[in-house]
Amino acid sequence: MLTITQLAEQLGEQLQLHSAAVTTAESCTGGGIAEAITRIAGSSAWFEVGFITYSNAQKERLLQVPAASLEHDGAVSQPVVEAMVRGAQKLSSAKYGVAVSGVAGPGGGSIGKPVGTVWIAWADGEQVESGCWHFSGDRDAVRRQTVQAALAGLLCVIEGQAANTWQCWLKKDLPNP
């Protein structure tokens, strides 16, 4: 299984090959995706900016997530992560983007969105795709799995595959979505 650092290294290699950059919009990971990316030497050549919008107010204010989506669907939802990644792209010059929002635990879960529920959205220019995962383990495990999924999905998107398909995930030797 690829480590987070290995995924970030591969991401950097792919972005450099495509002369492209990436941006992040994070909630439940608290900047973990951006940290993984920036631990790679030379990442300033392909990492634009990372946004940590933990509160709904900042998702709305900084990333221009519609208040109606936050109220109707909740922060952990497809419309919200897709709006987050779009907002991050608008505020940066990055072609690629990833956004995450989830319930890392140990509290905060509900019947509809138990602890471990995470929505991830990936963008490639105008194209956006998203998926919902149900990770297991404690808070650290959920956050770590989310960072892995976000990075692996970015690699798949850059390589021209759908980020939330079995084929993509098996190629990266990660748990299936």
N, C-alpha and C. Protein backbone atom coordinates (compact mmCIF):
# COMPACT_ATOMS: atom_id res chain seq x y z
N MET A 1 0.84 -1.18 0.00
CA MET A 1 0.00 0.00 0.00
C MET A 1 0.89 1.25 0.00
N LEU A 2 0.55 2.20 -0.84
CA LEU A 2 1.31 3.44 -0.91
C LEU A 2 1.08 4.29 0.34
N THR A 3 2.15 4.89 0.83
CA THR A 3 2.02 5.79 1.98
C THR A 3 1.54 7.15 1.50
N ILE A 4 1.14 7.97 2.45
CA ILE A 4 0.72 9.33 2.13
C ILE A 4 1.85 10.09 1.44
N THR A 5 3.05 9.95 1.94
CA THR A 5 4.19 10.64 1.33
C THR A 5 4.43 10.14 -0.09
N GLN A 6 4.34 8.84 -0.32
CA GLN A 6 4.52 8.31 -1.67
C GLN A 6 3.44 8.83 -2.62
N LEU A 7 2.20 8.90 -2.13
CA LEU A 7 1.12 9.45 -2.95
C LEU A 7 1.39 10.91 -3.30
N ALA A 8 1.85 11.69 -2.32
CA ALA A 8 2.15 13.09 -2.55
C ALA A 8 3.31 13.25 -3.53
N GLU A 9 4.32 12.39 -3.42
CA GLU A 9 5.45 12.44 -4.37
C GLU A 9 4.98 12.15 -5.78
N GLN A 10 4.14 11.12 -5.93
CA GLN A 10 3.61 10.78 -7.26
C GLN A 10 2.75 11.91 -7.80
N LEU A 11 1.97 12.52 -6.92
CA LEU A 11 1.13 13.65 -7.33
C LEU A 11 2.01 14.77 -7.89
N GLY A 12 3.07 15.11 -7.18
CA GLY A 12 3.98 16.14 -7.65
C GLY A 12 4.59 15.81 -9.00
N GLU A 13 5.00 14.56 -9.17
CA GLU A 13 5.57 14.14 -10.45
C GLU A 13 4.57 14.30 -11.59
N GLN A 14 3.33 13.88 -11.34
CA GLN A 14 2.29 13.99 -12.37
C GLN A 14 1.95 15.45 -12.68
N LEU A 15 1.84 16.26 -11.65
CA LEU A 15 1.53 17.68 -11.88
C LEU A 15 2.65 18.35 -12.67
N GLN A 16 3.89 18.02 -12.37
CA GLN A 16 5.01 18.60 -13.11
C GLN A 16 4.99 18.14 -14.56
N LEU A 17 4.67 16.88 -14.81
CA LEU A 17 4.58 16.37 -16.18
C LEU A 17 3.51 17.11 -16.98
N HIS A 18 2.43 17.49 -16.30
CA HIS A 18 1.32 18.18 -16.96
C HIS A 18 1.43 19.71 -16.84
N SER A 19 2.51 20.19 -16.26
CA SER A 19 2.70 21.63 -16.04
C SER A 19 1.45 22.24 -15.40
N ALA A 20 0.98 21.60 -14.36
CA ALA A 20 -0.26 22.01 -13.70
C ALA A 20 -0.04 22.17 -12.20
N ALA A 21 -1.02 22.80 -11.57
CA ALA A 21 -0.98 23.02 -10.13
C ALA A 21 -2.27 22.52 -9.49
N VAL A 22 -2.23 22.37 -8.16
CA VAL A 22 -3.37 21.87 -7.41
C VAL A 22 -3.66 22.81 -6.24
N THR A 23 -4.91 22.82 -5.83
CA THR A 23 -5.36 23.54 -4.64
C THR A 23 -6.17 22.60 -3.77
N THR A 24 -6.27 22.90 -2.48
CA THR A 24 -7.05 22.07 -1.56
C THR A 24 -8.04 22.92 -0.78
N ALA A 25 -9.17 22.31 -0.45
CA ALA A 25 -10.17 22.91 0.44
C ALA A 25 -10.52 21.83 1.45
N GLU A 26 -10.17 22.06 2.70
CA GLU A 26 -10.28 21.00 3.70
C GLU A 26 -11.12 21.42 4.90
N SER A 27 -11.85 20.46 5.40
CA SER A 27 -12.56 20.64 6.65
C SER A 27 -12.07 19.60 7.64
N CYS A 28 -12.54 18.36 7.55
CA CYS A 28 -12.24 17.35 8.56
C CYS A 28 -10.76 17.00 8.68
N THR A 29 -9.98 17.24 7.65
CA THR A 29 -8.55 16.92 7.70
C THR A 29 -7.72 18.07 8.26
N GLY A 30 -8.30 19.23 8.43
CA GLY A 30 -7.62 20.35 9.07
C GLY A 30 -6.30 20.74 8.44
N GLY A 31 -6.16 20.58 7.15
CA GLY A 31 -4.93 20.94 6.47
C GLY A 31 -4.00 19.76 6.21
N GLY A 32 -4.44 18.56 6.54
CA GLY A 32 -3.60 17.38 6.37
C GLY A 32 -3.20 17.09 4.93
N ILE A 33 -4.09 17.39 3.99
CA ILE A 33 -3.77 17.16 2.58
C ILE A 33 -2.69 18.15 2.14
N ALA A 34 -2.87 19.41 2.49
CA ALA A 34 -1.87 20.43 2.14
C ALA A 34 -0.54 20.13 2.81
N GLU A 35 -0.57 19.66 4.04
CA GLU A 35 0.67 19.32 4.74
C GLU A 35 1.39 18.19 4.02
N ALA A 36 0.64 17.17 3.59
CA ALA A 36 1.26 16.04 2.89
C ALA A 36 1.89 16.51 1.58
N ILE A 37 1.21 17.39 0.89
CA ILE A 37 1.73 17.90 -0.38
C ILE A 37 2.99 18.73 -0.14
N THR A 38 2.94 19.61 0.84
CA THR A 38 4.07 20.53 1.04
C THR A 38 5.25 19.90 1.77
N ARG A 39 5.11 18.66 2.23
CA ARG A 39 6.29 17.99 2.79
C ARG A 39 7.23 17.53 1.67
N ILE A 40 6.76 17.60 0.42
CA ILE A 40 7.57 17.21 -0.73
C ILE A 40 8.40 18.41 -1.18
N ALA A 41 9.70 18.25 -1.23
CA ALA A 41 10.59 19.32 -1.68
C ALA A 41 10.21 19.74 -3.10
N GLY A 42 10.13 21.03 -3.32
CA GLY A 42 9.78 21.56 -4.64
C GLY A 42 8.30 21.71 -4.89
N SER A 43 7.49 21.43 -3.88
CA SER A 43 6.03 21.49 -4.08
C SER A 43 5.52 22.88 -4.41
N SER A 44 6.33 23.91 -4.14
CA SER A 44 5.89 25.27 -4.48
C SER A 44 5.72 25.43 -5.98
N ALA A 45 6.28 24.53 -6.77
CA ALA A 45 6.13 24.59 -8.23
C ALA A 45 4.77 24.09 -8.69
N TRP A 46 4.06 23.33 -7.83
CA TRP A 46 2.80 22.75 -8.28
C TRP A 46 1.67 22.80 -7.24
N PHE A 47 1.93 23.39 -6.10
CA PHE A 47 0.87 23.58 -5.10
C PHE A 47 0.58 25.06 -4.98
N GLU A 48 -0.67 25.45 -5.26
CA GLU A 48 -1.06 26.86 -5.25
C GLU A 48 -1.37 27.38 -3.86
N VAL A 49 -2.41 26.81 -3.25
CA VAL A 49 -2.91 27.32 -1.97
C VAL A 49 -3.83 26.27 -1.35
N GLY A 50 -3.88 26.27 -0.03
CA GLY A 50 -4.79 25.38 0.68
C GLY A 50 -5.70 26.19 1.58
N PHE A 51 -6.95 25.81 1.62
CA PHE A 51 -7.95 26.47 2.46
C PHE A 51 -8.43 25.49 3.52
N ILE A 52 -8.40 25.92 4.77
CA ILE A 52 -8.98 25.13 5.85
C ILE A 52 -10.21 25.89 6.31
N THR A 53 -11.35 25.37 5.95
CA THR A 53 -12.61 26.03 6.30
C THR A 53 -13.40 25.06 7.18
N TYR A 54 -13.11 25.12 8.45
CA TYR A 54 -13.70 24.19 9.40
C TYR A 54 -15.15 24.56 9.72
N SER A 55 -15.43 25.84 9.84
CA SER A 55 -16.80 26.26 10.16
C SER A 55 -17.61 26.47 8.89
N ASN A 56 -18.92 26.32 9.03
CA ASN A 56 -19.81 26.59 7.90
C ASN A 56 -19.72 28.04 7.46
N ALA A 57 -19.55 28.95 8.42
CA ALA A 57 -19.46 30.37 8.09
C ALA A 57 -18.28 30.64 7.17
N GLN A 58 -17.15 29.97 7.41
CA GLN A 58 -15.98 30.19 6.56
C GLN A 58 -16.09 29.45 5.22
N LYS A 59 -16.78 28.33 5.20
CA LYS A 59 -17.04 27.67 3.92
C LYS A 59 -17.82 28.63 3.03
N GLU A 60 -18.81 29.27 3.63
CA GLU A 60 -19.65 30.22 2.89
C GLU A 60 -18.86 31.48 2.53
N ARG A 61 -18.15 32.05 3.49
CA ARG A 61 -17.46 33.32 3.29
C ARG A 61 -16.26 33.19 2.35
N LEU A 62 -15.38 32.24 2.61
CA LEU A 62 -14.15 32.12 1.82
C LEU A 62 -14.35 31.39 0.50
N LEU A 63 -15.05 30.28 0.53
CA LEU A 63 -15.17 29.44 -0.66
C LEU A 63 -16.49 29.64 -1.39
N GLN A 64 -17.32 30.51 -0.87
CA GLN A 64 -18.61 30.85 -1.48
C GLN A 64 -19.53 29.64 -1.65
N VAL A 65 -19.49 28.75 -0.65
CA VAL A 65 -20.44 27.65 -0.62
C VAL A 65 -21.81 28.26 -0.33
N PRO A 66 -22.83 27.94 -1.12
CA PRO A 66 -24.15 28.52 -0.89
C PRO A 66 -24.71 28.17 0.50
N ALA A 67 -25.22 29.17 1.17
CA ALA A 67 -25.82 28.96 2.50
C ALA A 67 -26.93 27.92 2.42
N ALA A 68 -27.68 27.93 1.34
CA ALA A 68 -28.78 26.99 1.18
C ALA A 68 -28.28 25.54 1.18
N SER A 69 -27.13 25.30 0.56
CA SER A 69 -26.56 23.93 0.55
C SER A 69 -26.16 23.51 1.96
N LEU A 70 -25.53 24.43 2.68
CA LEU A 70 -25.12 24.12 4.05
C LEU A 70 -26.32 23.85 4.94
N GLU A 71 -27.37 24.63 4.78
CA GLU A 71 -28.58 24.47 5.61
C GLU A 71 -29.36 23.22 5.21
N HIS A 72 -29.52 23.00 3.93
CA HIS A 72 -30.35 21.89 3.46
C HIS A 72 -29.63 20.55 3.49
N ASP A 73 -28.39 20.52 3.00
CA ASP A 73 -27.66 19.26 2.86
C ASP A 73 -26.69 18.99 4.00
N GLY A 74 -26.24 20.05 4.68
CA GLY A 74 -25.23 19.91 5.73
C GLY A 74 -23.84 19.99 5.15
N ALA A 75 -22.87 20.26 6.01
CA ALA A 75 -21.49 20.42 5.56
C ALA A 75 -20.90 19.15 4.98
N VAL A 76 -21.36 18.01 5.46
CA VAL A 76 -20.85 16.73 4.98
C VAL A 76 -21.81 16.23 3.90
N SER A 77 -21.62 16.75 2.69
CA SER A 77 -22.53 16.42 1.59
C SER A 77 -21.88 16.68 0.25
N GLN A 78 -22.44 16.07 -0.76
CA GLN A 78 -21.93 16.24 -2.12
C GLN A 78 -22.00 17.69 -2.60
N PRO A 79 -23.15 18.38 -2.45
CA PRO A 79 -23.19 19.76 -2.95
C PRO A 79 -22.15 20.66 -2.27
N VAL A 80 -21.90 20.43 -1.00
CA VAL A 80 -20.96 21.29 -0.28
C VAL A 80 -19.52 21.03 -0.73
N VAL A 81 -19.09 19.77 -0.82
CA VAL A 81 -17.69 19.54 -1.23
C VAL A 81 -17.46 19.97 -2.67
N GLU A 82 -18.47 19.81 -3.51
CA GLU A 82 -18.31 20.27 -4.89
C GLU A 82 -18.21 21.79 -4.95
N ALA A 83 -18.98 22.48 -4.13
CA ALA A 83 -18.88 23.94 -4.07
C ALA A 83 -17.53 24.37 -3.47
N MET A 84 -17.06 23.62 -2.49
CA MET A 84 -15.76 23.92 -1.88
C MET A 84 -14.63 23.84 -2.91
N VAL A 85 -14.61 22.77 -3.70
CA VAL A 85 -13.51 22.62 -4.66
C VAL A 85 -13.62 23.69 -5.75
N ARG A 86 -14.82 24.04 -6.15
CA ARG A 86 -15.01 25.10 -7.14
C ARG A 86 -14.53 26.44 -6.58
N GLY A 87 -14.87 26.71 -5.32
CA GLY A 87 -14.44 27.95 -4.69
C GLY A 87 -12.93 28.04 -4.59
N ALA A 88 -12.29 26.93 -4.23
CA ALA A 88 -10.83 26.92 -4.14
C ALA A 88 -10.20 27.16 -5.52
N GLN A 89 -10.78 26.57 -6.55
CA GLN A 89 -10.25 26.79 -7.89
C GLN A 89 -10.40 28.25 -8.31
N LYS A 90 -11.53 28.85 -7.99
CA LYS A 90 -11.75 30.26 -8.35
C LYS A 90 -10.74 31.18 -7.69
N LEU A 91 -10.37 30.86 -6.46
CA LEU A 91 -9.46 31.71 -5.71
C LEU A 91 -7.98 31.44 -6.04
N SER A 92 -7.72 30.42 -6.82
CA SER A 92 -6.35 30.09 -7.20
C SER A 92 -6.28 29.97 -8.71
N SER A 93 -5.11 29.73 -9.20
CA SER A 93 -4.96 29.48 -10.64
C SER A 93 -4.74 28.00 -10.91
N ALA A 94 -5.12 27.16 -9.97
CA ALA A 94 -4.88 25.72 -10.08
C ALA A 94 -5.89 25.05 -11.01
N LYS A 95 -5.38 24.20 -11.88
CA LYS A 95 -6.25 23.40 -12.75
C LYS A 95 -6.95 22.31 -11.94
N TYR A 96 -6.21 21.70 -11.01
CA TYR A 96 -6.74 20.59 -10.23
C TYR A 96 -7.07 21.03 -8.81
N GLY A 97 -8.06 20.38 -8.23
CA GLY A 97 -8.43 20.69 -6.85
C GLY A 97 -9.04 19.49 -6.17
N VAL A 98 -9.00 19.54 -4.84
CA VAL A 98 -9.65 18.51 -4.04
C VAL A 98 -10.27 19.19 -2.83
N ALA A 99 -11.43 18.71 -2.42
CA ALA A 99 -12.10 19.22 -1.23
C ALA A 99 -12.62 18.05 -0.42
N VAL A 100 -12.56 18.20 0.91
CA VAL A 100 -13.05 17.15 1.81
C VAL A 100 -13.86 17.76 2.94
N SER A 101 -14.90 17.03 3.33
CA SER A 101 -15.70 17.40 4.49
C SER A 101 -16.27 16.10 5.06
N GLY A 102 -16.11 15.92 6.37
CA GLY A 102 -16.56 14.66 6.94
C GLY A 102 -16.71 14.72 8.45
N VAL A 103 -17.07 13.57 9.00
CA VAL A 103 -17.24 13.41 10.43
C VAL A 103 -16.10 12.52 10.92
N ALA A 104 -15.05 13.15 11.46
CA ALA A 104 -13.87 12.40 11.88
C ALA A 104 -14.05 11.75 13.25
N GLY A 105 -14.96 12.28 14.05
CA GLY A 105 -15.22 11.71 15.36
C GLY A 105 -14.34 12.28 16.46
N PRO A 106 -14.43 11.80 17.65
CA PRO A 106 -15.27 10.66 18.03
C PRO A 106 -16.76 11.01 18.11
N GLY A 107 -17.09 12.29 18.27
CA GLY A 107 -18.49 12.70 18.30
C GLY A 107 -18.89 13.32 16.98
N GLY A 108 -20.11 13.83 16.94
CA GLY A 108 -20.59 14.55 15.78
C GLY A 108 -21.33 13.71 14.76
N GLY A 109 -21.33 12.41 14.92
CA GLY A 109 -22.01 11.55 13.97
C GLY A 109 -23.51 11.52 14.21
N SER A 110 -24.23 11.03 13.23
CA SER A 110 -25.68 10.87 13.33
C SER A 110 -26.05 9.57 12.62
N ILE A 111 -27.31 9.22 12.65
CA ILE A 111 -27.75 8.00 11.96
C ILE A 111 -27.48 8.12 10.47
N GLY A 112 -27.77 9.27 9.88
CA GLY A 112 -27.56 9.47 8.46
C GLY A 112 -26.12 9.69 8.07
N LYS A 113 -25.34 10.23 9.00
CA LYS A 113 -23.92 10.51 8.75
C LYS A 113 -23.11 10.09 9.97
N PRO A 114 -22.86 8.79 10.08
CA PRO A 114 -22.10 8.30 11.24
C PRO A 114 -20.63 8.73 11.16
N VAL A 115 -19.94 8.62 12.29
CA VAL A 115 -18.51 8.90 12.33
C VAL A 115 -17.84 8.07 11.25
N GLY A 116 -16.95 8.69 10.51
CA GLY A 116 -16.25 8.04 9.41
C GLY A 116 -16.80 8.40 8.04
N THR A 117 -17.97 9.08 8.01
CA THR A 117 -18.55 9.51 6.74
C THR A 117 -17.77 10.71 6.22
N VAL A 118 -17.28 10.61 5.00
CA VAL A 118 -16.50 11.68 4.39
C VAL A 118 -16.90 11.83 2.92
N TRP A 119 -17.16 13.07 2.52
CA TRP A 119 -17.37 13.39 1.11
C TRP A 119 -16.09 14.01 0.58
N ILE A 120 -15.71 13.58 -0.63
CA ILE A 120 -14.52 14.12 -1.30
C ILE A 120 -14.93 14.52 -2.71
N ALA A 121 -14.44 15.69 -3.15
CA ALA A 121 -14.66 16.14 -4.53
C ALA A 121 -13.32 16.46 -5.16
N TRP A 122 -13.18 16.08 -6.41
CA TRP A 122 -11.97 16.35 -7.19
C TRP A 122 -12.36 17.15 -8.41
N ALA A 123 -11.52 18.10 -8.78
CA ALA A 123 -11.78 18.91 -9.96
C ALA A 123 -10.60 18.86 -10.91
N ASP A 124 -10.93 18.80 -12.18
CA ASP A 124 -9.97 18.87 -13.28
C ASP A 124 -10.53 19.92 -14.23
N GLY A 125 -10.04 21.14 -14.11
CA GLY A 125 -10.62 22.21 -14.91
C GLY A 125 -12.08 22.38 -14.57
N GLU A 126 -12.93 22.22 -15.57
CA GLU A 126 -14.38 22.38 -15.37
C GLU A 126 -15.06 21.12 -14.86
N GLN A 127 -14.38 20.00 -14.93
CA GLN A 127 -14.98 18.73 -14.53
C GLN A 127 -14.83 18.50 -13.03
N VAL A 128 -15.93 18.12 -12.38
CA VAL A 128 -15.91 17.79 -10.95
C VAL A 128 -16.57 16.44 -10.75
N GLU A 129 -15.94 15.62 -9.93
CA GLU A 129 -16.57 14.37 -9.52
C GLU A 129 -16.40 14.24 -8.01
N SER A 130 -17.29 13.48 -7.41
CA SER A 130 -17.25 13.35 -5.96
C SER A 130 -17.72 11.97 -5.54
N GLY A 131 -17.42 11.65 -4.30
CA GLY A 131 -17.84 10.38 -3.76
C GLY A 131 -17.90 10.43 -2.24
N CYS A 132 -18.65 9.50 -1.69
CA CYS A 132 -18.81 9.41 -0.24
C CYS A 132 -18.14 8.13 0.24
N TRP A 133 -17.36 8.26 1.30
CA TRP A 133 -16.67 7.12 1.90
C TRP A 133 -17.12 6.96 3.34
N HIS A 134 -16.98 5.75 3.84
CA HIS A 134 -17.28 5.44 5.24
C HIS A 134 -16.03 4.76 5.81
N PHE A 135 -15.15 5.59 6.35
CA PHE A 135 -13.89 5.09 6.90
C PHE A 135 -14.10 4.59 8.32
N SER A 136 -13.23 3.70 8.76
CA SER A 136 -13.34 3.14 10.11
C SER A 136 -12.14 3.55 10.94
N GLY A 137 -12.28 3.36 12.24
CA GLY A 137 -11.20 3.67 13.15
C GLY A 137 -11.45 4.93 13.95
N ASP A 138 -10.43 5.34 14.68
CA ASP A 138 -10.55 6.54 15.50
C ASP A 138 -10.36 7.80 14.64
N ARG A 139 -10.38 8.94 15.29
CA ARG A 139 -10.28 10.22 14.59
C ARG A 139 -9.04 10.29 13.69
N ASP A 140 -7.90 9.90 14.22
CA ASP A 140 -6.67 9.93 13.43
C ASP A 140 -6.76 9.01 12.22
N ALA A 141 -7.33 7.85 12.40
CA ALA A 141 -7.45 6.89 11.29
C ALA A 141 -8.37 7.43 10.20
N VAL A 142 -9.48 8.03 10.59
CA VAL A 142 -10.41 8.60 9.61
C VAL A 142 -9.74 9.72 8.84
N ARG A 143 -9.04 10.58 9.54
CA ARG A 143 -8.36 11.69 8.87
C ARG A 143 -7.25 11.18 7.94
N ARG A 144 -6.49 10.20 8.37
CA ARG A 144 -5.41 9.64 7.56
C ARG A 144 -5.98 8.98 6.29
N GLN A 145 -7.04 8.22 6.45
CA GLN A 145 -7.65 7.57 5.29
C GLN A 145 -8.23 8.60 4.32
N THR A 146 -8.73 9.70 4.86
CA THR A 146 -9.26 10.76 4.01
C THR A 146 -8.15 11.41 3.19
N VAL A 147 -7.02 11.68 3.82
CA VAL A 147 -5.88 12.26 3.10
C VAL A 147 -5.42 11.29 2.01
N GLN A 148 -5.32 10.01 2.32
CA GLN A 148 -4.92 9.01 1.32
C GLN A 148 -5.91 9.00 0.15
N ALA A 149 -7.18 8.98 0.45
CA ALA A 149 -8.20 8.94 -0.60
C ALA A 149 -8.16 10.20 -1.46
N ALA A 150 -7.97 11.35 -0.83
CA ALA A 150 -7.92 12.61 -1.57
C ALA A 150 -6.74 12.62 -2.54
N LEU A 151 -5.57 12.21 -2.07
CA LEU A 151 -4.38 12.20 -2.91
C LEU A 151 -4.48 11.15 -4.01
N ALA A 152 -4.93 9.96 -3.66
CA ALA A 152 -5.07 8.89 -4.66
C ALA A 152 -6.07 9.30 -5.74
N GLY A 153 -7.17 9.91 -5.33
CA GLY A 153 -8.17 10.37 -6.30
C GLY A 153 -7.61 11.43 -7.23
N LEU A 154 -6.80 12.34 -6.69
CA LEU A 154 -6.16 13.35 -7.54
C LEU A 154 -5.27 12.68 -8.59
N LEU A 155 -4.50 11.69 -8.16
CA LEU A 155 -3.65 10.97 -9.11
C LEU A 155 -4.48 10.32 -10.21
N CYS A 156 -5.57 9.71 -9.83
CA CYS A 156 -6.44 9.07 -10.82
C CYS A 156 -6.98 10.10 -11.82
N VAL A 157 -7.44 11.23 -11.31
CA VAL A 157 -7.99 12.28 -12.17
C VAL A 157 -6.93 12.78 -13.15
N ILE A 158 -5.73 13.04 -12.65
CA ILE A 158 -4.65 13.53 -13.51
C ILE A 158 -4.29 12.49 -14.56
N GLU A 159 -4.38 11.22 -14.20
CA GLU A 159 -4.07 10.13 -15.12
C GLU A 159 -5.23 9.81 -16.06
N GLY A 160 -6.32 10.57 -15.97
CA GLY A 160 -7.45 10.39 -16.87
C GLY A 160 -8.44 9.32 -16.47
N GLN A 161 -8.43 8.91 -15.21
CA GLN A 161 -9.38 7.92 -14.70
C GLN A 161 -10.37 8.60 -13.77
N ALA A 162 -11.52 8.00 -13.61
CA ALA A 162 -12.47 8.50 -12.63
C ALA A 162 -11.93 8.23 -11.24
N ALA A 163 -11.99 9.24 -10.38
CA ALA A 163 -11.37 9.15 -9.06
C ALA A 163 -12.07 8.17 -8.12
N ASN A 164 -13.33 7.92 -8.35
CA ASN A 164 -14.05 7.07 -7.40
C ASN A 164 -14.44 5.72 -8.01
N THR A 165 -13.54 5.15 -8.81
CA THR A 165 -13.80 3.84 -9.39
C THR A 165 -12.92 2.77 -8.76
N TRP A 166 -13.39 1.55 -8.81
CA TRP A 166 -12.64 0.42 -8.27
C TRP A 166 -11.28 0.30 -8.95
N GLN A 167 -11.26 0.47 -10.28
CA GLN A 167 -10.03 0.29 -11.03
C GLN A 167 -8.95 1.26 -10.56
N CYS A 168 -9.33 2.49 -10.34
CA CYS A 168 -8.38 3.50 -9.89
C CYS A 168 -7.81 3.11 -8.53
N TRP A 169 -8.66 2.70 -7.63
CA TRP A 169 -8.24 2.41 -6.26
C TRP A 169 -7.40 1.15 -6.17
N LEU A 170 -7.75 0.15 -6.97
CA LEU A 170 -6.96 -1.07 -6.98
C LEU A 170 -5.56 -0.79 -7.50
N LYS A 171 -5.45 0.07 -8.50
CA LYS A 171 -4.15 0.44 -9.06
C LYS A 171 -3.27 1.11 -8.00
N LYS A 172 -3.88 1.86 -7.09
CA LYS A 172 -3.15 2.55 -6.04
C LYS A 172 -2.97 1.69 -4.80
N ASP A 173 -3.50 0.46 -4.84
CA ASP A 173 -3.39 -0.49 -3.73
C ASP A 173 -3.96 0.10 -2.44
N LEU A 174 -5.13 0.74 -2.57
CA LEU A 174 -5.81 1.32 -1.42
C LEU A 174 -7.14 0.60 -1.21
N PRO A 175 -7.72 0.75 -0.04
CA PRO A 175 -9.04 0.15 0.20
C PRO A 175 -10.05 0.67 -0.82
N ASN A 176 -10.94 -0.20 -1.25
CA ASN A 176 -11.94 0.17 -2.25
C ASN A 176 -12.87 1.25 -1.72
N PRO A 177 -13.34 2.11 -2.63
CA PRO A 177 -14.29 3.16 -2.22
C PRO A 177 -15.63 2.58 -1.86
